[in-house]
Structures are given as C-alpha cells and as structure tokens.
C-alpha cells in the first residue's frame, strides 16, 4: 500500500532498488543480462526490425569474411594483409570453438520461456558470439588499413552484434565478451602487420 502512495517516478525507483537488492552479487549480472536480452528481443515484434536483424545476422556468417579476404587481393594487392586476415580468421574460429565447448552455455531461447529463436543457430552453444568476434576484429583491421572501410564495417558490426540478441540466439554478455575478444585479436593482427611492414 505504501508503494502505491508514492509518485510514479519514486515507485519505479523503489521497484528497481527492490529488484537489484533482491539479487546476490552473482545473480545481479545475470538478471541484468536477461533483462537486456528481453528488452532487445521484444523489438523483433516490429516486422521491419525483424527483417533488418535477420539480414544483419546472415551478413555475419562465414562467407562475408572470406569475401573480404579475397577482396584484399584486388590491386593494389597486399599478400601480407591477406595472410594476416586468413590466420586471424582461422584462429578466431578455433578460439570460439574451444570457448563454446568449455563454457557450454545454453542459448537464451533454451532457457527463457519468453524468448524464441528467430533465426537458425549455426552451432549448439551461446558463449561467445562468433559473429560478433569476427565482425569487430575485421572492422578494426580493415579500418586501420583504410579509413573508408570503417564507415562500412563498424555500423555493420554493431548491427550484427545487436541482431544476435534480438533474434534470441545470444545473451548481451556473449556479444560484449566477443567484442572484447575481437578487439584483442584485431589489435594483435595489426601488431603483426606493423612488425612486418604491412
């Protein structure tokens, strides 16, 4: 009864405090993760948003990254860049496979009753998002080589990362962790390129 007497803004604040303090230190990040997941997943009710997110998610599949590597053979070709991108992509595929096996995190649609898979999954586990990892790593390396790539790749990376959550295939934490791994892998690739004159 007392909470009903509060003004709406204070009632919301009191509800958030109760929600946060009702969780243990380990539960709070999980609750925040699931709340963000549900909020983003709900945007898929909009037909245009759903189409856009499906397109973004499919853009993050393997053929795009292979195509970008082949594109670097276009004159003036950089064989070192092609080799570095190929090695980086291969190492990231292996890293994602290992991490998914180690953590074996179930997909959101398998754990949350109100979340549905709106696109087919490519493998079983959720953590980390391979789509996001590749997108961020390639964006970093290619935009460092030519700023023109940044105008294309960074918005695409954001769309790919968001799409994986909106479509119910990943938690936000899967995407954030993958983005950090992508930044680390891309930075390492750039160090190698600069070391060998790329």
C-alpha atoms as a PDB file:
ATOM      1  CA  UNK A   1       0.000   0.000   0.000  1.00  0.00           C
ATOM      2  CA  UNK A   2       2.845   2.376   0.840  1.00  0.00           C
ATOM      3  CA  UNK A   3       4.463   1.922  -2.590  1.00  0.00           C
ATOM      4  CA  UNK A   4       1.135   2.720  -4.278  1.00  0.00           C
ATOM      5  CA  UNK A   5       1.062   6.074  -2.446  1.00  0.00           C
ATOM      6  CA  UNK A   6       4.439   7.055  -3.949  1.00  0.00           C
ATOM      7  CA  UNK A   7       4.604   9.201  -7.089  1.00  0.00           C
ATOM      8  CA  UNK A   8       5.208   7.144 -10.289  1.00  0.00           C
ATOM      9  CA  UNK A   9       8.897   8.092 -10.598  1.00  0.00           C
ATOM     10  CA  UNK A  10       9.661   7.126  -6.993  1.00  0.00           C
ATOM     11  CA  UNK A  11       7.605   3.942  -7.378  1.00  0.00           C
ATOM     12  CA  UNK A  12       9.748   2.890 -10.365  1.00  0.00           C
ATOM     13  CA  UNK A  13      12.925   3.728  -8.465  1.00  0.00           C
ATOM     14  CA  UNK A  14      11.733   1.729  -5.445  1.00  0.00           C
ATOM     15  CA  UNK A  15      10.903  -1.210  -7.710  1.00  0.00           C
ATOM     16  CA  UNK A  16      14.365  -1.138  -9.274  1.00  0.00           C
ATOM     17  CA  UNK A  17      16.042  -0.971  -5.878  1.00  0.00           C
ATOM     18  CA  UNK A  18      13.964  -3.923  -4.650  1.00  0.00           C
ATOM     19  CA  UNK A  19      14.785  -5.861  -7.825  1.00  0.00           C
ATOM     20  CA  UNK A  20      18.528  -5.163  -7.507  1.00  0.00           C
ATOM     21  CA  UNK A  21      18.825  -5.736  -3.773  1.00  0.00           C
ATOM     22  CA  UNK A  22      16.834  -8.965  -4.019  1.00  0.00           C
ATOM     23  CA  UNK A  23      19.690 -10.499  -6.011  1.00  0.00           C
ATOM     24  CA  UNK A  24      23.004 -11.824  -4.727  1.00  0.00           C
ATOM     25  CA  UNK A  25      26.245 -10.438  -6.122  1.00  0.00           C
ATOM     26  CA  UNK A  26      26.372 -13.271  -8.662  1.00  0.00           C
ATOM     27  CA  UNK A  27      22.690 -13.082  -9.602  1.00  0.00           C
ATOM     28  CA  UNK A  28      22.643  -9.341 -10.356  1.00  0.00           C
ATOM     29  CA  UNK A  29      24.763  -9.518 -13.540  1.00  0.00           C
ATOM     30  CA  UNK A  30      22.660 -12.457 -14.723  1.00  0.00           C
ATOM     31  CA  UNK A  31      19.439 -10.572 -14.052  1.00  0.00           C
ATOM     32  CA  UNK A  32      20.732  -7.507 -15.906  1.00  0.00           C
ATOM     33  CA  UNK A  33      21.839  -9.721 -18.793  1.00  0.00           C
ATOM     34  CA  UNK A  34      18.417 -11.330 -19.043  1.00  0.00           C
ATOM     35  CA  UNK A  35      16.584  -8.000 -18.700  1.00  0.00           C
ATOM     36  CA  UNK A  36      18.620  -6.524 -21.592  1.00  0.00           C
ATOM     37  CA  UNK A  37      18.020  -9.676 -23.612  1.00  0.00           C
ATOM     38  CA  UNK A  38      14.256  -9.471 -23.138  1.00  0.00           C
ATOM     39  CA  UNK A  39      14.157  -5.748 -23.936  1.00  0.00           C
ATOM     40  CA  UNK A  40      16.097  -6.157 -27.175  1.00  0.00           C
ATOM     41  CA  UNK A  41      14.294  -9.368 -28.150  1.00  0.00           C
ATOM     42  CA  UNK A  42      10.960  -7.575 -27.795  1.00  0.00           C
ATOM     43  CA  UNK A  43      11.939  -5.192 -30.632  1.00  0.00           C
ATOM     44  CA  UNK A  44      11.647  -8.153 -33.042  1.00  0.00           C
ATOM     45  CA  UNK A  45       7.862  -7.752 -32.841  1.00  0.00           C
ATOM     46  CA  UNK A  46       8.333  -4.959 -35.360  1.00  0.00           C
ATOM     47  CA  UNK A  47       8.372  -6.607 -38.798  1.00  0.00           C
ATOM     48  CA  UNK A  48      10.921  -4.151 -40.242  1.00  0.00           C
ATOM     49  CA  UNK A  49      13.253  -4.589 -37.287  1.00  0.00           C
ATOM     50  CA  UNK A  50      12.996  -8.364 -37.601  1.00  0.00           C
ATOM     51  CA  UNK A  51      13.882  -8.262 -41.323  1.00  0.00           C
ATOM     52  CA  UNK A  52      16.819  -5.928 -40.677  1.00  0.00           C
ATOM     53  CA  UNK A  53      18.156  -8.093 -37.863  1.00  0.00           C
ATOM     54  CA  UNK A  54      17.863 -11.294 -39.898  1.00  0.00           C
ATOM     55  CA  UNK A  55      19.805  -9.634 -42.735  1.00  0.00           C
ATOM     56  CA  UNK A  56      22.479  -8.384 -40.326  1.00  0.00           C
ATOM     57  CA  UNK A  57      22.808 -11.790 -38.702  1.00  0.00           C
ATOM     58  CA  UNK A  58      23.172 -13.549 -42.052  1.00  0.00           C
ATOM     59  CA  UNK A  59      25.735 -10.958 -43.141  1.00  0.00           C
ATOM     60  CA  UNK A  60      27.865 -12.113 -40.216  1.00  0.00           C
ATOM     61  CA  UNK A  61      28.063 -15.684 -41.487  1.00  0.00           C
ATOM     62  CA  UNK A  62      31.362 -17.044 -42.782  1.00  0.00           C
ATOM     63  CA  UNK A  63      31.127 -16.144 -46.498  1.00  0.00           C
ATOM     64  CA  UNK A  64      31.351 -12.399 -45.779  1.00  0.00           C
ATOM     65  CA  UNK A  65      34.707 -12.717 -44.052  1.00  0.00           C
ATOM     66  CA  UNK A  66      36.080 -14.959 -46.801  1.00  0.00           C
ATOM     67  CA  UNK A  67      34.872 -12.468 -49.393  1.00  0.00           C
ATOM     68  CA  UNK A  68      36.575  -9.593 -47.578  1.00  0.00           C
ATOM     69  CA  UNK A  69      39.849 -11.523 -47.533  1.00  0.00           C
ATOM     70  CA  UNK A  70      39.613 -12.207 -51.276  1.00  0.00           C
ATOM     71  CA  UNK A  71      38.781  -8.518 -51.858  1.00  0.00           C
ATOM     72  CA  UNK A  72      42.214  -7.610 -50.455  1.00  0.00           C
ATOM     73  CA  UNK A  73      43.775  -9.336 -53.482  1.00  0.00           C
ATOM     74  CA  UNK A  74      42.326  -6.573 -55.669  1.00  0.00           C
ATOM     75  CA  UNK A  75      45.056  -4.199 -56.890  1.00  0.00           C
ATOM     76  CA  UNK A  76      46.978  -2.874 -55.128  1.00  0.00           C
ATOM     77  CA  UNK A  77      47.079  -6.325 -53.540  1.00  0.00           C
ATOM     78  CA  UNK A  78      48.562  -6.901 -50.086  1.00  0.00           C
ATOM     79  CA  UNK A  79      49.515 -10.540 -49.703  1.00  0.00           C
ATOM     80  CA  UNK A  80      50.661  -9.889 -46.134  1.00  0.00           C
ATOM     81  CA  UNK A  81      47.243  -8.465 -45.245  1.00  0.00           C
ATOM     82  CA  UNK A  82      45.512 -11.447 -46.889  1.00  0.00           C
ATOM     83  CA  UNK A  83      47.719 -13.863 -44.925  1.00  0.00           C
ATOM     84  CA  UNK A  84      47.171 -11.975 -41.658  1.00  0.00           C
ATOM     85  CA  UNK A  85      43.382 -11.842 -42.091  1.00  0.00           C
ATOM     86  CA  UNK A  86      43.254 -15.523 -43.018  1.00  0.00           C
ATOM     87  CA  UNK A  87      45.337 -16.501 -39.980  1.00  0.00           C
ATOM     88  CA  UNK A  88      43.278 -14.254 -37.709  1.00  0.00           C
ATOM     89  CA  UNK A  89      40.005 -15.697 -39.001  1.00  0.00           C
ATOM     90  CA  UNK A  90      41.244 -19.256 -38.551  1.00  0.00           C
ATOM     91  CA  UNK A  91      42.500 -18.611 -35.028  1.00  0.00           C
ATOM     92  CA  UNK A  92      39.209 -16.962 -34.085  1.00  0.00           C
ATOM     93  CA  UNK A  93      37.216 -19.934 -35.380  1.00  0.00           C
ATOM     94  CA  UNK A  94      39.351 -22.229 -33.214  1.00  0.00           C
ATOM     95  CA  UNK A  95      39.102 -19.903 -30.187  1.00  0.00           C
ATOM     96  CA  UNK A  96      35.306 -19.690 -30.419  1.00  0.00           C
ATOM     97  CA  UNK A  97      35.031 -23.483 -30.736  1.00  0.00           C
ATOM     98  CA  UNK A  98      37.178 -24.008 -27.631  1.00  0.00           C
ATOM     99  CA  UNK A  99      35.376 -21.384 -25.539  1.00  0.00           C
ATOM    100  CA  UNK A 100      31.946 -22.685 -26.517  1.00  0.00           C
ATOM    101  CA  UNK A 101      32.987 -26.208 -25.524  1.00  0.00           C
ATOM    102  CA  UNK A 102      34.495 -25.064 -22.225  1.00  0.00           C
ATOM    103  CA  UNK A 103      31.611 -22.816 -21.136  1.00  0.00           C
ATOM    104  CA  UNK A 104      28.827 -24.841 -22.822  1.00  0.00           C
ATOM    105  CA  UNK A 105      26.335 -22.030 -22.190  1.00  0.00           C
ATOM    106  CA  UNK A 106      22.819 -22.779 -23.409  1.00  0.00           C
ATOM    107  CA  UNK A 107      21.204 -20.408 -25.889  1.00  0.00           C
ATOM    108  CA  UNK A 108      18.704 -17.868 -24.489  1.00  0.00           C
ATOM    109  CA  UNK A 109      15.740 -19.453 -26.264  1.00  0.00           C
ATOM    110  CA  UNK A 110      16.539 -22.721 -24.486  1.00  0.00           C
ATOM    111  CA  UNK A 111      16.475 -21.115 -21.026  1.00  0.00           C
ATOM    112  CA  UNK A 112      13.949 -18.284 -21.195  1.00  0.00           C
ATOM    113  CA  UNK A 113      10.320 -19.190 -21.856  1.00  0.00           C
ATOM    114  CA  UNK A 114       9.540 -15.798 -23.421  1.00  0.00           C
ATOM    115  CA  UNK A 115      12.492 -15.846 -25.859  1.00  0.00           C
ATOM    116  CA  UNK A 116      12.243 -17.576 -29.246  1.00  0.00           C
ATOM    117  CA  UNK A 117      14.922 -18.371 -31.806  1.00  0.00           C
ATOM    118  CA  UNK A 118      14.051 -16.195 -34.797  1.00  0.00           C
ATOM    119  CA  UNK A 119      16.929 -17.445 -36.942  1.00  0.00           C
ATOM    120  CA  UNK A 120      18.678 -20.811 -37.224  1.00  0.00           C
ATOM    121  CA  UNK A 121      21.696 -21.305 -34.988  1.00  0.00           C
ATOM    122  CA  UNK A 122      24.963 -22.462 -36.541  1.00  0.00           C
ATOM    123  CA  UNK A 123      26.194 -24.391 -33.506  1.00  0.00           C
ATOM    124  CA  UNK A 124      24.985 -25.532 -30.114  1.00  0.00           C
ATOM    125  CA  UNK A 125      26.370 -23.140 -27.514  1.00  0.00           C
ATOM    126  CA  UNK A 126      25.963 -19.437 -26.821  1.00  0.00           C
ATOM    127  CA  UNK A 127      29.193 -18.037 -25.328  1.00  0.00           C
ATOM    128  CA  UNK A 128      30.836 -16.171 -27.023  1.00  0.00           C
ATOM    129  CA  UNK A 129      29.216 -14.812 -30.197  1.00  0.00           C
ATOM    130  CA  UNK A 130      31.417 -15.856 -33.113  1.00  0.00           C
ATOM    131  CA  UNK A 131      29.548 -13.496 -35.449  1.00  0.00           C
ATOM    132  CA  UNK A 132      30.404 -10.503 -33.267  1.00  0.00           C
ATOM    133  CA  UNK A 133      34.010 -11.551 -32.688  1.00  0.00           C
ATOM    134  CA  UNK A 134      34.723 -11.789 -36.416  1.00  0.00           C
ATOM    135  CA  UNK A 135      32.864  -8.559 -37.189  1.00  0.00           C
ATOM    136  CA  UNK A 136      34.785  -6.494 -34.633  1.00  0.00           C
ATOM    137  CA  UNK A 137      38.181  -7.998 -35.489  1.00  0.00           C
ATOM    138  CA  UNK A 138      37.760  -7.488 -39.233  1.00  0.00           C
ATOM    139  CA  UNK A 139      36.384  -3.973 -38.692  1.00  0.00           C
ATOM    140  CA  UNK A 140      39.392  -2.985 -36.602  1.00  0.00           C
ATOM    141  CA  UNK A 141      41.997  -4.351 -39.012  1.00  0.00           C
ATOM    142  CA  UNK A 142      40.387  -3.147 -42.228  1.00  0.00           C
ATOM    143  CA  UNK A 143      39.555   0.343 -40.919  1.00  0.00           C
ATOM    144  CA  UNK A 144      43.149   0.704 -39.712  1.00  0.00           C
ATOM    145  CA  UNK A 145      44.358  -0.160 -43.221  1.00  0.00           C
ATOM    146  CA  UNK A 146      41.894   2.166 -44.933  1.00  0.00           C
ATOM    147  CA  UNK A 147      39.516   4.511 -43.028  1.00  0.00           C
ATOM    148  CA  UNK A 148      36.937   4.065 -45.814  1.00  0.00           C
ATOM    149  CA  UNK A 149      36.326   0.538 -44.529  1.00  0.00           C
ATOM    150  CA  UNK A 150      35.421   1.920 -41.117  1.00  0.00           C
ATOM    151  CA  UNK A 151      32.341   3.720 -42.449  1.00  0.00           C
ATOM    152  CA  UNK A 152      31.034   0.389 -43.724  1.00  0.00           C
ATOM    153  CA  UNK A 153      32.327  -2.124 -41.198  1.00  0.00           C
ATOM    154  CA  UNK A 154      31.685  -0.525 -37.803  1.00  0.00           C
ATOM    155  CA  UNK A 155      27.940   0.072 -38.338  1.00  0.00           C
ATOM    156  CA  UNK A 156      27.708  -3.459 -39.732  1.00  0.00           C
ATOM    157  CA  UNK A 157      29.481  -4.819 -36.641  1.00  0.00           C
ATOM    158  CA  UNK A 158      27.029  -3.053 -34.327  1.00  0.00           C
ATOM    159  CA  UNK A 159      24.089  -4.386 -36.359  1.00  0.00           C
ATOM    160  CA  UNK A 160      25.499  -7.930 -36.307  1.00  0.00           C
ATOM    161  CA  UNK A 161      26.045  -7.852 -32.537  1.00  0.00           C
ATOM    162  CA  UNK A 162      22.556  -6.475 -31.867  1.00  0.00           C
ATOM    163  CA  UNK A 163      20.967  -8.961 -34.242  1.00  0.00           C
ATOM    164  CA  UNK A 164      22.293 -11.935 -32.317  1.00  0.00           C
ATOM    165  CA  UNK A 165      20.492 -10.735 -29.173  1.00  0.00           C
ATOM    166  CA  UNK A 166      17.318  -9.520 -30.887  1.00  0.00           C
ATOM    167  CA  UNK A 167      16.941 -12.878 -32.632  1.00  0.00           C
ATOM    168  CA  UNK A 168      17.180 -14.753 -29.317  1.00  0.00           C
ATOM    169  CA  UNK A 169      20.447 -16.516 -30.160  1.00  0.00           C
ATOM    170  CA  UNK A 170      22.796 -14.817 -27.676  1.00  0.00           C
ATOM    171  CA  UNK A 171      22.793 -13.000 -24.373  1.00  0.00           C
ATOM    172  CA  UNK A 172      24.183  -9.431 -24.369  1.00  0.00           C
ATOM    173  CA  UNK A 173      27.151 -10.701 -22.332  1.00  0.00           C
ATOM    174  CA  UNK A 174      28.002 -13.160 -25.140  1.00  0.00           C
ATOM    175  CA  UNK A 175      28.174 -10.239 -27.560  1.00  0.00           C
ATOM    176  CA  UNK A 176      30.150  -7.924 -25.250  1.00  0.00           C
ATOM    177  CA  UNK A 177      32.708 -10.629 -24.451  1.00  0.00           C
ATOM    178  CA  UNK A 178      33.052 -11.427 -28.160  1.00  0.00           C
ATOM    179  CA  UNK A 179      33.552  -7.736 -28.981  1.00  0.00           C
ATOM    180  CA  UNK A 180      36.398  -7.532 -26.446  1.00  0.00           C
ATOM    181  CA  UNK A 181      37.978 -10.695 -27.860  1.00  0.00           C
ATOM    182  CA  UNK A 182      37.603  -9.266 -31.370  1.00  0.00           C
ATOM    183  CA  UNK A 183      39.356  -6.050 -30.336  1.00  0.00           C
ATOM    184  CA  UNK A 184      42.176  -8.070 -28.805  1.00  0.00           C
ATOM    185  CA  UNK A 185      42.521 -10.342 -31.837  1.00  0.00           C
ATOM    186  CA  UNK A 186      42.337  -7.451 -34.282  1.00  0.00           C
ATOM    187  CA  UNK A 187      44.935  -5.487 -32.292  1.00  0.00           C
ATOM    188  CA  UNK A 188      47.270  -8.484 -32.333  1.00  0.00           C
ATOM    189  CA  UNK A 189      46.789  -8.795 -36.098  1.00  0.00           C
ATOM    190  CA  UNK A 190      47.661  -5.098 -36.533  1.00  0.00           C
ATOM    191  CA  UNK A 191      50.802  -5.515 -34.406  1.00  0.00           C
ATOM    192  CA  UNK A 192      51.925  -8.377 -36.643  1.00  0.00           C
ATOM    193  CA  UNK A 193      51.212  -6.338 -39.778  1.00  0.00           C
ATOM    194  CA  UNK A 194      53.178  -3.349 -38.477  1.00  0.00           C
ATOM    195  CA  UNK A 195      56.029  -5.589 -37.358  1.00  0.00           C
ATOM    196  CA  UNK A 196      56.394  -6.985 -40.873  1.00  0.00           C
ATOM    197  CA  UNK A 197      55.708  -3.744 -42.695  1.00  0.00           C
ATOM    198  CA  UNK A 198      52.042  -4.275 -43.596  1.00  0.00           C
END
